[in-house]
């Protein structure tokens, strides 16, 4: 009996377990079916205008440098070092375009960086100064294309083209110009030390005169270099000294001619005094010390010529040795004035004038031209000189003086080898001398 009861308990446990398992499976399947039958809730209806989606912020494009860094993160680069703007000057041999002869000259090169705030066309301006004696003295040009418009100083202009912002960090040596030494006029000849200056400026102001303050205010870069040179051509300071001595010899020649032709030293005095006054008047606007020195020199020459008899040939030879343009013609004109008696020249005096003309190396046409100038012919001669120089005789004296000074600086600095060109220059210098005597 006890064995039968224990078997009944085992079956009861198994039956209970199966019932519980069946209930659990039923509940699981029921919940799964309910979940599949439940619909998805709908979104609530919009209220008013819907808010637009946010606009993405503008992202600037990457620079070439940033793209390079992102592409090659392992490479390290550094900007090119900016080299300073430099200039150099070297001796060279240049061929004369007319004669084919070789002549010494100067070659100018520049290198280095130039900074610009915007895209610009950049020009270079090269100037020369003589620093041999400590201070800076100007160097003048003998050709129009190298002359500064206002001062006559040497100026060489060259263009390096368009430069993009922020500029060129570096540039190799580039030649910007060559110049024969015959195209410049320094204060003195011989061994000289020249300072070569180069300014880099925008092309919009490169045409200004070198003394204009706007030129240096707009300067982009600058450099200087010293250069030693041997100059053969006589300098403008030496020319002034030669002109003083030549003026004294003109006075001596006038007095000597009066003694030789008329045996009367006092006959020459009013004519010589008049010529001295006209010559000093021509120097208006020049350095006062130079005018004072010239006055003392010609006064001393006049006193000496009255006290001592001078040889006409010797005086003419010394006058020609100074090579001052226009002075032989002025000396002959003074002798013609002294030799004229009652608006005519006696035959014996004309013989002496022809001898003086030959000694001065002038042709008889020059003598005849001076002899033919009278009170009526002078106006026509003056108009011819004015036309030759581009001058209007109706201008006021200040404007005439300025124009004649500019013309003198332009033509007196030229010494061409061609005989025809020398004759043209001599004619213009003679015209300048005549007009300065009569209108200033």
Protein backbone atom coordinates (compact mmCIF):
# COMPACT_ATOMS: atom_id res chain seq x y z
CA UNK A 1 0.00 0.00 0.00
CA UNK A 2 2.76 2.54 0.73
CA UNK A 3 4.46 1.70 -2.59
CA UNK A 4 1.30 2.45 -4.58
CA UNK A 5 0.90 5.89 -2.91
CA UNK A 6 4.44 7.00 -3.76
CA UNK A 7 3.92 6.17 -7.51
CA UNK A 8 0.81 8.31 -7.52
CA UNK A 9 2.82 11.34 -6.25
CA UNK A 10 5.34 11.13 -9.09
CA UNK A 11 2.61 11.20 -11.71
CA UNK A 12 0.97 14.15 -9.99
CA UNK A 13 4.22 16.19 -10.18
CA UNK A 14 4.71 15.44 -13.85
CA UNK A 15 1.15 16.42 -14.66
CA UNK A 16 1.49 19.70 -12.76
CA UNK A 17 4.73 20.55 -14.58
CA UNK A 18 3.17 19.95 -17.97
CA UNK A 19 0.18 22.12 -17.09
CA UNK A 20 2.42 25.02 -16.03
CA UNK A 21 4.55 24.75 -19.16
CA UNK A 22 1.48 24.79 -21.36
CA UNK A 23 0.11 27.88 -19.57
CA UNK A 24 3.43 29.71 -20.07
CA UNK A 25 3.57 28.91 -23.80
CA UNK A 26 -0.01 30.06 -24.22
CA UNK A 27 0.65 33.41 -22.50
CA UNK A 28 3.78 34.02 -24.64
CA UNK A 29 1.91 33.37 -27.87
CA UNK A 30 -1.01 35.52 -26.78
CA UNK A 31 1.17 38.54 -25.99
CA UNK A 32 2.98 38.18 -29.30
CA UNK A 33 -0.30 38.23 -31.22
CA UNK A 34 -1.51 41.33 -29.32
CA UNK A 35 1.71 43.17 -30.10
CA UNK A 36 1.34 42.48 -33.86
CA UNK A 37 -2.30 43.61 -33.86
CA UNK A 38 -1.61 47.00 -32.06
CA UNK A 39 -1.38 49.85 -34.79
CA UNK A 40 1.54 52.41 -34.85
CA UNK A 41 0.40 55.73 -33.34
CA UNK A 42 0.11 58.59 -35.91
CA UNK A 43 2.14 61.80 -35.42
CA UNK A 44 0.21 64.78 -34.14
CA UNK A 45 -1.00 67.23 -36.79
CA UNK A 46 1.34 70.25 -37.38
CA UNK A 47 0.52 73.49 -35.69
CA UNK A 48 1.15 76.57 -37.89
CA UNK A 49 4.03 76.73 -40.46
CA UNK A 50 6.62 74.04 -40.06
CA UNK A 51 10.14 75.19 -39.01
CA UNK A 52 12.58 74.94 -41.92
CA UNK A 53 15.56 72.71 -41.49
CA UNK A 54 18.72 74.50 -40.25
CA UNK A 55 20.93 75.90 -43.05
CA UNK A 56 24.48 74.57 -42.95
CA UNK A 57 27.12 77.25 -42.27
CA UNK A 58 29.28 78.46 -45.24
CA UNK A 59 32.64 76.81 -45.23
CA UNK A 60 35.30 78.76 -47.17
CA UNK A 61 37.26 76.78 -49.72
CA UNK A 62 40.61 75.51 -48.60
CA UNK A 63 43.74 77.23 -49.76
CA UNK A 64 46.31 75.45 -51.87
CA UNK A 65 48.61 75.39 -48.86
CA UNK A 66 45.91 73.73 -46.63
CA UNK A 67 45.04 71.16 -49.32
CA UNK A 68 48.74 70.32 -49.60
CA UNK A 69 49.03 69.89 -45.82
CA UNK A 70 45.90 67.67 -45.69
CA UNK A 71 47.16 65.56 -48.58
CA UNK A 72 50.73 65.24 -47.32
CA UNK A 73 50.49 65.57 -43.52
CA UNK A 74 53.96 64.18 -43.01
CA UNK A 75 55.78 66.89 -45.01
CA UNK A 76 56.96 70.08 -43.36
CA UNK A 77 57.39 73.21 -45.56
CA UNK A 78 58.59 76.73 -44.78
CA UNK A 79 58.12 79.96 -46.80
CA UNK A 80 60.97 81.11 -49.02
CA UNK A 81 63.28 83.58 -47.27
CA UNK A 82 62.84 87.11 -48.65
CA UNK A 83 66.15 88.47 -49.92
CA UNK A 84 66.77 92.23 -49.70
CA UNK A 85 66.59 94.41 -52.79
CA UNK A 86 70.13 94.89 -54.13
CA UNK A 87 71.93 96.69 -56.96
CA UNK A 88 75.38 96.21 -58.48
CA UNK A 89 77.39 98.19 -61.04
CA UNK A 90 80.15 96.76 -63.20
CA UNK A 91 82.45 98.09 -65.92
CA UNK A 92 81.81 96.96 -69.46
CA UNK A 93 82.74 97.76 -73.06
CA UNK A 94 79.99 99.13 -75.31
CA UNK A 95 80.01 99.51 -79.08
CA UNK A 96 79.21 102.92 -80.53
CA UNK A 97 76.23 102.55 -82.86
CA UNK A 98 77.53 105.17 -85.33
CA UNK A 99 81.29 104.63 -85.42
CA UNK A 100 81.44 100.99 -84.32
CA UNK A 101 84.19 101.82 -81.83
CA UNK A 102 84.31 100.24 -78.38
CA UNK A 103 83.99 102.61 -75.44
CA UNK A 104 83.96 102.11 -71.66
CA UNK A 105 80.63 102.07 -69.92
CA UNK A 106 78.61 100.89 -66.94
CA UNK A 107 76.20 97.95 -66.61
CA UNK A 108 73.60 98.05 -63.83
CA UNK A 109 71.93 94.89 -62.40
CA UNK A 110 69.31 94.46 -59.66
CA UNK A 111 68.07 91.48 -57.62
CA UNK A 112 66.04 90.68 -54.51
CA UNK A 113 62.44 90.95 -53.39
CA UNK A 114 59.84 93.70 -53.81
CA UNK A 115 56.69 93.85 -51.65
CA UNK A 116 53.46 95.34 -53.02
CA UNK A 117 50.10 95.89 -51.33
CA UNK A 118 48.25 95.22 -54.58
CA UNK A 119 48.98 94.12 -58.13
CA UNK A 120 51.20 96.81 -59.65
CA UNK A 121 53.40 97.55 -62.65
CA UNK A 122 56.76 98.42 -61.11
CA UNK A 123 59.44 100.67 -62.69
CA UNK A 124 63.03 101.24 -61.66
CA UNK A 125 64.70 104.68 -61.49
CA UNK A 126 68.52 104.80 -61.44
CA UNK A 127 70.39 108.01 -60.53
CA UNK A 128 74.07 108.93 -60.14
CA UNK A 129 75.83 111.16 -57.61
CA UNK A 130 79.51 112.04 -57.20
CA UNK A 131 80.70 111.40 -53.61
CA UNK A 132 84.45 111.67 -54.22
CA UNK A 133 84.87 114.76 -52.03
CA UNK A 134 82.56 113.69 -49.21
CA UNK A 135 79.28 115.38 -50.06
CA UNK A 136 76.94 114.27 -52.82
CA UNK A 137 77.22 116.29 -56.04
CA UNK A 138 74.83 115.74 -58.97
CA UNK A 139 75.89 113.99 -62.17
CA UNK A 140 74.28 115.39 -65.31
CA UNK A 141 73.31 113.65 -68.56
CA UNK A 142 74.51 114.67 -72.02
CA UNK A 143 71.55 113.13 -73.89
CA UNK A 144 67.89 114.15 -73.71
CA UNK A 145 66.55 110.69 -72.95
CA UNK A 146 68.69 110.45 -69.82
CA UNK A 147 68.04 113.98 -68.53
CA UNK A 148 65.67 114.71 -65.67
CA UNK A 149 63.05 117.11 -66.94
CA UNK A 150 63.58 119.72 -64.24
CA UNK A 151 67.18 119.37 -63.03
CA UNK A 152 69.01 117.90 -66.03
CA UNK A 153 70.50 115.21 -63.78
CA UNK A 154 71.18 111.72 -65.10
CA UNK A 155 68.13 109.42 -64.74
CA UNK A 156 67.79 105.94 -66.23
CA UNK A 157 64.29 104.46 -66.19
CA UNK A 158 63.50 100.77 -66.69
CA UNK A 159 60.45 98.55 -66.12
CA UNK A 160 60.35 95.12 -64.46
CA UNK A 161 56.71 94.53 -65.41
CA UNK A 162 53.66 93.41 -63.45
CA UNK A 163 54.19 92.29 -59.85
CA UNK A 164 51.31 90.42 -58.14
CA UNK A 165 50.41 90.84 -54.46
CA UNK A 166 52.18 90.30 -52.06
CA UNK A 167 55.24 90.72 -54.32
CA UNK A 168 58.29 88.77 -55.41
CA UNK A 169 60.15 87.14 -52.52
CA UNK A 170 63.30 86.82 -54.58
CA UNK A 171 64.63 87.40 -58.06
CA UNK A 172 67.96 86.59 -59.65
CA UNK A 173 70.30 89.28 -61.00
CA UNK A 174 68.74 91.03 -63.98
CA UNK A 175 70.32 93.73 -66.12
CA UNK A 176 68.27 96.93 -66.12
CA UNK A 177 70.46 99.14 -68.30
CA UNK A 178 73.86 100.02 -69.73
CA UNK A 179 75.37 103.47 -70.10
CA UNK A 180 78.57 104.74 -71.77
CA UNK A 181 80.57 107.19 -69.66
CA UNK A 182 80.37 109.71 -72.50
CA UNK A 183 76.68 110.18 -71.62
CA UNK A 184 77.36 111.60 -68.15
CA UNK A 185 78.96 114.79 -66.86
CA UNK A 186 80.47 114.60 -63.37
CA UNK A 187 81.80 117.62 -61.41
CA UNK A 188 85.39 116.82 -62.39
CA UNK A 189 87.33 114.44 -64.59
CA UNK A 190 89.85 111.78 -63.51
CA UNK A 191 89.27 109.14 -60.86
CA UNK A 192 85.86 109.60 -59.29
CA UNK A 193 83.60 107.63 -56.92
CA UNK A 194 79.99 107.52 -58.05
CA UNK A 195 77.02 106.43 -55.95
CA UNK A 196 74.49 104.50 -58.02
CA UNK A 197 70.97 104.58 -56.52
CA UNK A 198 67.97 102.53 -57.61
CA UNK A 199 64.35 103.14 -56.59
CA UNK A 200 61.50 100.71 -57.29
CA UNK A 201 58.27 102.72 -57.66
CA UNK A 202 54.82 102.21 -59.19
CA UNK A 203 54.77 103.06 -62.89
CA UNK A 204 52.08 105.69 -62.24
CA UNK A 205 54.66 108.00 -60.59
CA UNK A 206 57.89 106.92 -62.27
CA UNK A 207 57.75 109.89 -64.66
CA UNK A 208 58.05 112.47 -61.86
CA UNK A 209 61.19 114.55 -61.49
CA UNK A 210 63.78 113.22 -59.04
CA UNK A 211 63.23 116.17 -56.67
CA UNK A 212 59.49 115.49 -56.34
CA UNK A 213 58.62 114.34 -52.79
CA UNK A 214 55.88 112.03 -54.12
CA UNK A 215 58.50 109.85 -55.77
CA UNK A 216 60.16 108.88 -52.50
CA UNK A 217 56.84 108.69 -50.65
CA UNK A 218 55.66 105.98 -53.07
CA UNK A 219 58.93 104.05 -53.01
CA UNK A 220 58.57 100.25 -52.82
CA UNK A 221 62.27 99.34 -52.50
CA UNK A 222 65.64 101.08 -52.72
CA UNK A 223 69.32 100.18 -52.92
CA UNK A 224 72.65 101.97 -53.46
CA UNK A 225 76.17 100.93 -54.42
CA UNK A 226 79.44 102.86 -54.86
CA UNK A 227 81.44 102.58 -58.07
CA UNK A 228 84.96 103.83 -58.89
CA UNK A 229 85.47 105.13 -62.41
CA UNK A 230 88.05 107.01 -64.48
CA UNK A 231 86.38 109.86 -66.41
CA UNK A 232 88.15 111.48 -69.33
CA UNK A 233 85.63 114.18 -70.23
CA UNK A 234 86.03 117.52 -68.47
CA UNK A 235 83.61 117.96 -65.55
CA UNK A 236 81.11 120.80 -65.19
CA UNK A 237 83.08 122.38 -62.31
CA UNK A 238 86.15 122.38 -64.54
CA UNK A 239 84.01 123.83 -67.32
CA UNK A 240 82.99 126.72 -65.06
CA UNK A 241 86.64 127.39 -64.24
CA UNK A 242 87.48 127.22 -67.95
CA UNK A 243 84.62 129.59 -68.75
CA UNK A 244 85.91 132.12 -66.20
CA UNK A 245 89.39 132.06 -67.73
CA UNK A 246 88.00 132.16 -71.26
CA UNK A 247 85.92 135.22 -70.36
CA UNK A 248 89.09 136.92 -69.08
CA UNK A 249 90.85 136.10 -72.34
CA UNK A 250 87.98 137.62 -74.36
CA UNK A 251 88.54 140.85 -72.44
CA UNK A 252 92.29 140.65 -73.08
CA UNK A 253 91.68 140.05 -76.79
CA UNK A 254 89.38 143.07 -77.06
CA UNK A 255 91.93 145.40 -75.45
CA UNK A 256 94.80 143.90 -77.46
CA UNK A 257 92.86 144.35 -80.71
CA UNK A 258 92.17 148.04 -79.93
CA UNK A 259 95.88 148.60 -79.29
CA UNK A 260 96.90 146.67 -82.41
CA UNK A 261 94.36 148.22 -84.82
CA UNK A 262 93.95 151.76 -83.45
CA UNK A 263 96.95 152.24 -81.15
CA UNK A 264 94.42 153.35 -78.54
CA UNK A 265 93.91 151.27 -75.40
CA UNK A 266 91.07 153.49 -74.16
CA UNK A 267 89.00 152.92 -77.31
CA UNK A 268 88.22 149.39 -76.16
CA UNK A 269 87.04 150.29 -72.65
CA UNK A 270 83.32 151.09 -73.30
CA UNK A 271 82.90 148.06 -75.55
CA UNK A 272 84.73 145.76 -73.14
CA UNK A 273 82.76 147.11 -70.18
CA UNK A 274 79.52 146.50 -72.06
CA UNK A 275 80.55 142.94 -72.90
CA UNK A 276 81.53 142.28 -69.27
CA UNK A 277 78.12 143.49 -68.06
CA UNK A 278 76.31 141.30 -70.58
CA UNK A 279 78.42 138.27 -69.67
CA UNK A 280 77.69 138.68 -65.96
CA UNK A 281 73.99 139.18 -66.75
CA UNK A 282 74.01 135.81 -68.52
CA UNK A 283 74.92 134.20 -65.21
CA UNK A 284 71.73 135.26 -63.44
CA UNK A 285 70.29 132.40 -61.46
CA UNK A 286 73.66 130.68 -61.00
CA UNK A 287 75.59 130.36 -57.75
CA UNK A 288 76.42 133.80 -56.31
CA UNK A 289 79.97 132.79 -55.41
CA UNK A 290 80.56 131.70 -59.02
CA UNK A 291 79.29 135.05 -60.32
CA UNK A 292 81.53 136.91 -57.86
CA UNK A 293 84.59 134.88 -58.88
CA UNK A 294 83.88 135.55 -62.56
CA UNK A 295 83.53 139.29 -61.93
CA UNK A 296 86.87 139.39 -60.13
CA UNK A 297 88.54 137.33 -62.88
CA UNK A 298 87.43 139.51 -65.81
CA UNK A 299 88.15 142.75 -63.90
CA UNK A 300 91.69 141.52 -63.20
CA UNK A 301 92.09 140.54 -66.86
CA UNK A 302 90.94 143.99 -67.96
CA UNK A 303 93.41 145.76 -65.67
CA UNK A 304 96.28 143.54 -66.78
CA UNK A 305 95.43 143.99 -70.48
CA UNK A 306 95.50 147.79 -70.16
CA UNK A 307 98.84 147.80 -68.37
CA UNK A 308 100.65 145.20 -70.49
CA UNK A 309 100.63 144.70 -74.23
CA UNK A 310 99.35 141.21 -75.10
CA UNK A 311 100.13 139.27 -78.29
CA UNK A 312 96.97 138.63 -80.31
CA UNK A 313 98.10 135.20 -81.48
CA UNK A 314 98.98 134.04 -77.98
CA UNK A 315 95.64 135.22 -76.59
CA UNK A 316 93.70 133.46 -79.39
CA UNK A 317 95.65 130.24 -78.88
CA UNK A 318 95.03 130.26 -75.12
CA UNK A 319 91.33 130.97 -75.66
CA UNK A 320 90.97 127.99 -77.98
CA UNK A 321 92.82 125.74 -75.52
CA UNK A 322 89.97 126.06 -72.98
CA UNK A 323 87.48 124.62 -75.51
CA UNK A 324 84.55 126.69 -74.25
CA UNK A 325 81.74 126.60 -76.86
CA UNK A 326 80.69 130.01 -78.13
CA UNK A 327 83.61 131.97 -76.63
CA UNK A 328 85.60 132.36 -79.90
CA UNK A 329 82.48 133.72 -81.57
CA UNK A 330 81.90 136.18 -78.71
CA UNK A 331 85.54 137.32 -78.88
CA UNK A 332 85.27 137.96 -82.62
CA UNK A 333 81.99 139.84 -82.11
CA UNK A 334 83.65 142.08 -79.50
CA UNK A 335 86.52 142.86 -81.87
CA UNK A 336 84.01 143.75 -84.62
CA UNK A 337 82.22 146.17 -82.27
CA UNK A 338 85.54 147.81 -81.37
CA UNK A 339 86.55 148.03 -85.03
CA UNK A 340 83.31 149.59 -86.30
CA UNK A 341 83.60 153.33 -86.99
CA UNK A 342 80.33 155.17 -87.63
CA UNK A 343 78.45 151.95 -88.42
CA UNK A 344 81.10 150.77 -90.89
CA UNK A 345 84.40 148.94 -90.68
CA UNK A 346 87.42 150.52 -92.37
CA UNK A 347 89.35 148.39 -94.85
CA UNK A 348 92.55 148.31 -92.78
CA UNK A 349 90.61 147.27 -89.69
CA UNK A 350 88.85 144.53 -91.71
CA UNK A 351 92.28 143.10 -92.57
CA UNK A 352 93.12 142.87 -88.86
CA UNK A 353 89.73 141.31 -88.14
CA UNK A 354 90.32 138.64 -90.78
CA UNK A 355 93.64 137.79 -89.10
CA UNK A 356 91.87 137.44 -85.73
CA UNK A 357 89.18 135.29 -87.38
CA UNK A 358 91.81 132.91 -88.72
CA UNK A 359 93.60 132.69 -85.37
CA UNK A 360 90.30 131.79 -83.68
CA UNK A 361 89.67 129.02 -86.20
CA UNK A 362 86.49 130.65 -87.54
CA UNK A 363 85.41 131.07 -91.14
CA UNK A 364 84.97 134.37 -92.95
CA UNK A 365 81.22 133.79 -93.04
CA UNK A 366 81.23 134.22 -89.26
CA UNK A 367 83.10 137.51 -89.62
CA UNK A 368 80.74 138.73 -92.34
CA UNK A 369 77.75 137.83 -90.19
CA UNK A 370 79.05 139.91 -87.28
CA UNK A 371 79.98 142.78 -89.58
CA UNK A 372 76.51 142.81 -91.21
CA UNK A 373 74.65 143.06 -87.92
CA UNK A 374 73.29 146.58 -87.60
CA UNK A 375 70.41 148.30 -85.93
CA UNK A 376 67.98 146.91 -88.55
CA UNK A 377 69.50 143.51 -89.15
CA UNK A 378 69.72 142.72 -85.45
CA UNK A 379 66.00 142.15 -85.08
CA UNK A 380 65.96 139.61 -87.91
CA UNK A 381 69.03 137.89 -86.47
CA UNK A 382 67.43 137.73 -83.02
CA UNK A 383 64.26 136.22 -84.46
CA UNK A 384 66.31 133.60 -86.29
CA UNK A 385 68.11 132.69 -83.05
CA UNK A 386 64.83 132.55 -81.14
CA UNK A 387 63.28 130.24 -83.76
CA UNK A 388 66.32 127.98 -83.59
CA UNK A 389 65.91 127.64 -79.82
CA UNK A 390 62.11 127.42 -79.74
CA UNK A 391 61.80 130.76 -77.92
CA UNK A 392 59.24 133.54 -78.25
CA UNK A 393 60.72 137.05 -77.96
CA UNK A 394 57.39 138.23 -76.55
CA UNK A 395 57.91 136.30 -73.30
CA UNK A 396 58.84 138.17 -70.12
CA UNK A 397 62.51 138.33 -69.15
CA UNK A 398 62.18 135.71 -66.39
CA UNK A 399 60.72 133.13 -68.76
CA UNK A 400 63.32 133.94 -71.45
CA UNK A 401 66.14 133.57 -68.88
CA UNK A 402 64.78 130.21 -67.73
CA UNK A 403 64.38 128.89 -71.28
CA UNK A 404 67.88 129.99 -72.29
CA UNK A 405 69.37 128.39 -69.18
CA UNK A 406 67.60 125.11 -69.94
CA UNK A 407 68.82 125.22 -73.54
CA UNK A 408 72.38 125.96 -72.41
CA UNK A 409 72.39 123.00 -69.98
CA UNK A 410 71.00 120.79 -72.74
CA UNK A 411 73.44 121.64 -75.53
CA UNK A 412 76.58 122.57 -73.61
CA UNK A 413 76.91 119.05 -72.15
CA UNK A 414 77.04 117.37 -75.56
CA UNK A 415 80.27 116.58 -77.40
CA UNK A 416 79.44 114.39 -80.40
CA UNK A 417 82.16 113.06 -82.68
CA UNK A 418 80.19 113.79 -85.84
CA UNK A 419 81.20 117.14 -87.39
CA UNK A 420 77.65 117.94 -88.53
CA UNK A 421 76.26 117.42 -85.03
CA UNK A 422 79.03 119.59 -83.55
CA UNK A 423 78.13 122.37 -85.99
CA UNK A 424 74.46 122.22 -84.94
CA UNK A 425 75.39 122.44 -81.29
CA UNK A 426 77.76 125.35 -81.91
CA UNK A 427 75.03 127.28 -83.74
CA UNK A 428 72.64 126.85 -80.84
CA UNK A 429 75.22 127.90 -78.24
CA UNK A 430 75.99 131.01 -80.31
CA UNK A 431 72.27 131.79 -80.49
CA UNK A 432 71.98 131.41 -76.71
CA UNK A 433 74.92 133.77 -76.14
CA UNK A 434 73.47 136.44 -78.45
CA UNK A 435 70.00 136.39 -76.94
CA UNK A 436 71.31 136.44 -73.37
CA UNK A 437 73.42 139.49 -74.18
CA UNK A 438 70.56 141.45 -75.71
CA UNK A 439 67.51 140.49 -73.70
CA UNK A 440 68.76 139.82 -70.16
